[in-house]
Amino acid sequence: MRGRTREWSGGIARRVRSGDTQAGMSTAEYAVGTIAAAGFAAVLYKIVTSGPVSGAMQQLIERALDAGF
């Protein structure tokens, strides 16, 4: 494990020395990612709460609860 830590910290030191300050995501990239995730969640919520999907999920849960062991 110590070898990996040394290797990782050496990589950061090389980037800092070389002037590569673009390590990681910027705030704008986080904002775009967050907006995309929120949009995907909204679409998924609409799909899951739609009539056919909601009915199918309810039937699935009822069958699972009525299953005999």
Protein backbone atom coordinates (compact mmCIF):
# COMPACT_ATOMS: atom_id res chain seq x y z
CA MET A 1 0.00 0.00 0.00
CA ARG A 2 2.86 2.37 0.73
CA GLY A 3 4.12 2.00 -2.83
CA ARG A 4 0.79 3.16 -4.24
CA THR A 5 0.69 6.16 -1.92
CA ARG A 6 4.22 7.12 -2.87
CA GLU A 7 3.37 6.64 -6.56
CA TRP A 8 0.19 8.75 -6.25
CA SER A 9 1.89 11.57 -4.35
CA GLY A 10 4.77 11.51 -6.83
CA GLY A 11 2.30 11.98 -9.68
CA ILE A 12 0.78 15.01 -7.98
CA ALA A 13 4.21 16.48 -7.30
CA ARG A 14 5.14 16.06 -10.98
CA ARG A 15 1.94 17.81 -12.10
CA VAL A 16 2.52 20.70 -9.71
CA ARG A 17 6.14 21.09 -10.82
CA SER A 18 5.17 20.93 -14.49
CA GLY A 19 2.52 23.62 -14.06
CA ASP A 20 -0.41 21.26 -14.75
CA THR A 21 -3.02 22.75 -12.45
CA GLN A 22 -5.93 21.00 -14.19
CA ALA A 23 -5.94 18.02 -11.82
CA GLY A 24 -9.55 17.19 -10.96
CA MET A 25 -12.84 18.78 -11.94
CA SER A 26 -13.56 22.47 -11.81
CA THR A 27 -16.61 24.03 -10.22
CA ALA A 28 -18.26 24.47 -13.61
CA GLU A 29 -17.88 20.77 -14.35
CA TYR A 30 -19.44 19.90 -11.00
CA ALA A 31 -22.34 22.25 -11.77
CA VAL A 32 -22.95 20.66 -15.18
CA GLY A 33 -22.76 17.18 -13.67
CA THR A 34 -25.19 18.11 -10.91
CA ILE A 35 -27.69 19.61 -13.36
CA ALA A 36 -27.44 16.53 -15.59
CA ALA A 37 -28.00 14.22 -12.60
CA ALA A 38 -31.02 16.26 -11.46
CA GLY A 39 -32.48 16.13 -14.97
CA PHE A 40 -31.97 12.38 -15.16
CA ALA A 41 -33.61 11.97 -11.73
CA ALA A 42 -36.62 14.02 -12.85
CA VAL A 43 -37.08 11.91 -15.98
CA LEU A 44 -36.70 8.69 -13.99
CA TYR A 45 -39.23 9.92 -11.41
CA LYS A 46 -41.76 10.67 -14.16
CA ILE A 47 -41.27 7.20 -15.66
CA VAL A 48 -41.55 5.37 -12.34
CA THR A 49 -44.66 7.29 -11.25
CA SER A 50 -46.45 6.83 -14.58
CA GLY A 51 -49.57 4.67 -14.59
CA PRO A 52 -48.30 1.54 -16.35
CA VAL A 53 -45.00 1.35 -14.50
CA SER A 54 -46.61 2.12 -11.14
CA GLY A 55 -49.23 -0.59 -11.71
CA ALA A 56 -46.61 -3.13 -12.74
CA MET A 57 -44.52 -2.37 -9.67
CA GLN A 58 -47.56 -2.67 -7.42
CA GLN A 59 -48.44 -6.07 -8.92
CA LEU A 60 -44.85 -7.23 -8.50
CA ILE A 61 -44.80 -6.22 -4.84
CA GLU A 62 -48.19 -7.86 -4.19
CA ARG A 63 -47.01 -11.12 -5.81
CA ALA A 64 -43.83 -11.03 -3.75
CA LEU A 65 -45.76 -10.50 -0.50
CA ASP A 66 -48.25 -13.27 -1.32
CA ALA A 67 -45.55 -15.79 -2.21
CA GLY A 68 -45.55 -18.90 -0.07
CA PHE A 69 -42.32 -20.23 1.35
